[in-house]
Amino acid sequence: MSEDSIIGFEEEPDYTPDASGPPARELSDEERLEKMREENDEAILKKARLYYLVFTSPDGKAVLDDMVVAYQNRVSLDETNPDPYLTAFCEGQRSVVLQIQALSKVGEGV
């Protein structure tokens, strides 16, 4: 055991290149960004498909219909008590319902 591992540092393992082919070249910034976009797009589509499956089932539709009535089909601003924090809170609730509807719609075609 080396002194570095005693104080919390571990030695780097020996790297042996893969004998099956040349080492992979490093991606450019543009290629890395494109790869991240593709992976992110796949994750979003997978999530959208899950939203579609959940919220188009009979139980999911019932829950979403309840959420629409409770949070979307109402006015967010109370004119008798124009509290900006309450308005922001209500808009946040409304935003959640809109997000569920949007992702469900995207997931329908996946």
Protein backbone atom coordinates (compact mmCIF):
# COMPACT_ATOMS: atom_id res chain seq x y z
CA MET A 1 0.00 0.00 0.00
CA SER A 2 1.45 3.36 -0.96
CA GLU A 3 1.44 6.45 1.21
CA ASP A 4 -1.06 8.15 -1.17
CA SER A 5 -3.66 5.42 -0.65
CA ILE A 6 -3.32 5.79 3.09
CA ILE A 7 -4.42 9.43 2.97
CA GLY A 8 -7.28 8.80 0.62
CA PHE A 9 -5.65 8.88 -2.81
CA GLU A 10 -5.63 5.78 -4.89
CA GLU A 11 -3.14 4.98 -7.54
CA GLU A 12 -4.37 5.09 -11.11
CA PRO A 13 -4.89 1.63 -12.60
CA ASP A 14 -2.58 0.58 -15.41
CA TYR A 15 -4.17 1.27 -18.79
CA THR A 16 -3.76 -1.40 -21.41
CA PRO A 17 -5.08 -0.41 -24.83
CA ASP A 18 -7.67 -2.67 -26.42
CA ALA A 19 -5.90 -4.94 -28.85
CA SER A 20 -8.97 -5.27 -31.09
CA GLY A 21 -8.42 -1.97 -32.87
CA PRO A 22 -6.96 1.49 -32.80
CA PRO A 23 -7.85 3.76 -29.89
CA ALA A 24 -11.00 5.79 -30.44
CA ARG A 25 -10.34 9.35 -31.50
CA GLU A 26 -11.50 12.12 -29.24
CA LEU A 27 -14.76 13.77 -30.33
CA SER A 28 -14.78 17.42 -31.30
CA ASP A 29 -16.92 19.83 -29.31
CA GLU A 30 -19.51 19.87 -32.11
CA GLU A 31 -19.63 16.05 -32.25
CA ARG A 32 -19.93 15.81 -28.46
CA LEU A 33 -22.77 18.36 -28.49
CA GLU A 34 -24.60 16.47 -31.26
CA LYS A 35 -24.22 13.18 -29.36
CA MET A 36 -25.63 14.82 -26.22
CA ARG A 37 -28.59 16.17 -28.22
CA GLU A 38 -29.34 12.73 -29.67
CA GLU A 39 -29.18 11.08 -26.25
CA ASN A 40 -31.36 13.82 -24.78
CA ASP A 41 -33.90 13.50 -27.61
CA GLU A 42 -34.11 9.75 -27.02
CA ALA A 43 -34.64 10.30 -23.28
CA ILE A 44 -37.37 12.87 -23.92
CA LEU A 45 -39.18 10.58 -26.37
CA LYS A 46 -38.97 7.68 -23.93
CA LYS A 47 -40.38 9.88 -21.16
CA ALA A 48 -43.12 11.18 -23.48
CA ARG A 49 -44.12 7.62 -24.36
CA LEU A 50 -44.43 6.80 -20.65
CA TYR A 51 -46.64 9.86 -20.08
CA TYR A 52 -48.81 8.79 -23.03
CA LEU A 53 -49.19 5.24 -21.71
CA VAL A 54 -50.02 6.38 -18.18
CA PHE A 55 -52.39 9.24 -18.96
CA THR A 56 -54.32 7.55 -21.78
CA SER A 57 -55.18 4.52 -19.66
CA PRO A 58 -58.68 4.67 -18.14
CA ASP A 59 -57.31 5.42 -14.66
CA GLY A 60 -54.79 7.93 -15.97
CA LYS A 61 -57.49 9.73 -17.98
CA ALA A 62 -59.64 10.00 -14.85
CA VAL A 63 -56.74 11.48 -12.88
CA LEU A 64 -55.83 13.91 -15.68
CA ASP A 65 -59.47 14.99 -16.09
CA ASP A 66 -59.59 15.70 -12.34
CA MET A 67 -56.36 17.71 -12.57
CA VAL A 68 -57.71 19.72 -15.52
CA VAL A 69 -60.82 20.66 -13.55
CA ALA A 70 -58.89 21.42 -10.35
CA TYR A 71 -55.88 23.24 -11.77
CA GLN A 72 -56.29 24.21 -15.42
CA ASN A 73 -59.91 25.31 -15.95
CA ARG A 74 -59.82 28.11 -13.42
CA VAL A 75 -58.49 31.61 -13.09
CA SER A 76 -55.08 31.82 -11.44
CA LEU A 77 -55.54 35.38 -10.20
CA ASP A 78 -57.94 35.97 -7.31
CA GLU A 79 -59.24 39.49 -7.88
CA THR A 80 -60.42 39.80 -4.27
CA ASN A 81 -56.95 38.91 -2.97
CA PRO A 82 -54.34 39.70 -5.65
CA ASP A 83 -51.46 37.92 -3.91
CA PRO A 84 -48.59 37.45 -6.41
CA TYR A 85 -47.32 34.37 -4.57
CA LEU A 86 -50.72 32.68 -4.72
CA THR A 87 -50.97 33.55 -8.41
CA ALA A 88 -47.52 32.07 -9.07
CA PHE A 89 -48.47 28.94 -7.12
CA CYS A 90 -51.68 28.49 -9.12
CA GLU A 91 -49.82 29.05 -12.39
CA GLY A 92 -47.34 26.37 -11.34
CA GLN A 93 -50.18 23.91 -10.83
CA ARG A 94 -51.61 24.83 -14.22
CA SER A 95 -48.17 24.42 -15.80
CA VAL A 96 -47.88 20.84 -14.52
CA VAL A 97 -51.16 19.88 -16.20
CA LEU A 98 -50.09 21.54 -19.46
CA GLN A 99 -46.75 19.68 -19.32
CA ILE A 100 -48.51 16.34 -18.85
CA GLN A 101 -50.82 17.07 -21.79
CA ALA A 102 -47.93 18.16 -24.02
CA LEU A 103 -45.75 15.14 -23.24
CA SER A 104 -48.71 12.79 -23.67
CA LYS A 105 -49.39 14.26 -27.09
CA VAL A 106 -45.75 13.85 -28.15
CA GLY A 107 -45.71 10.30 -26.78
CA GLU A 108 -48.71 9.32 -28.86
CA GLY A 109 -46.63 9.25 -32.03
CA VAL A 110 -43.67 7.39 -30.53
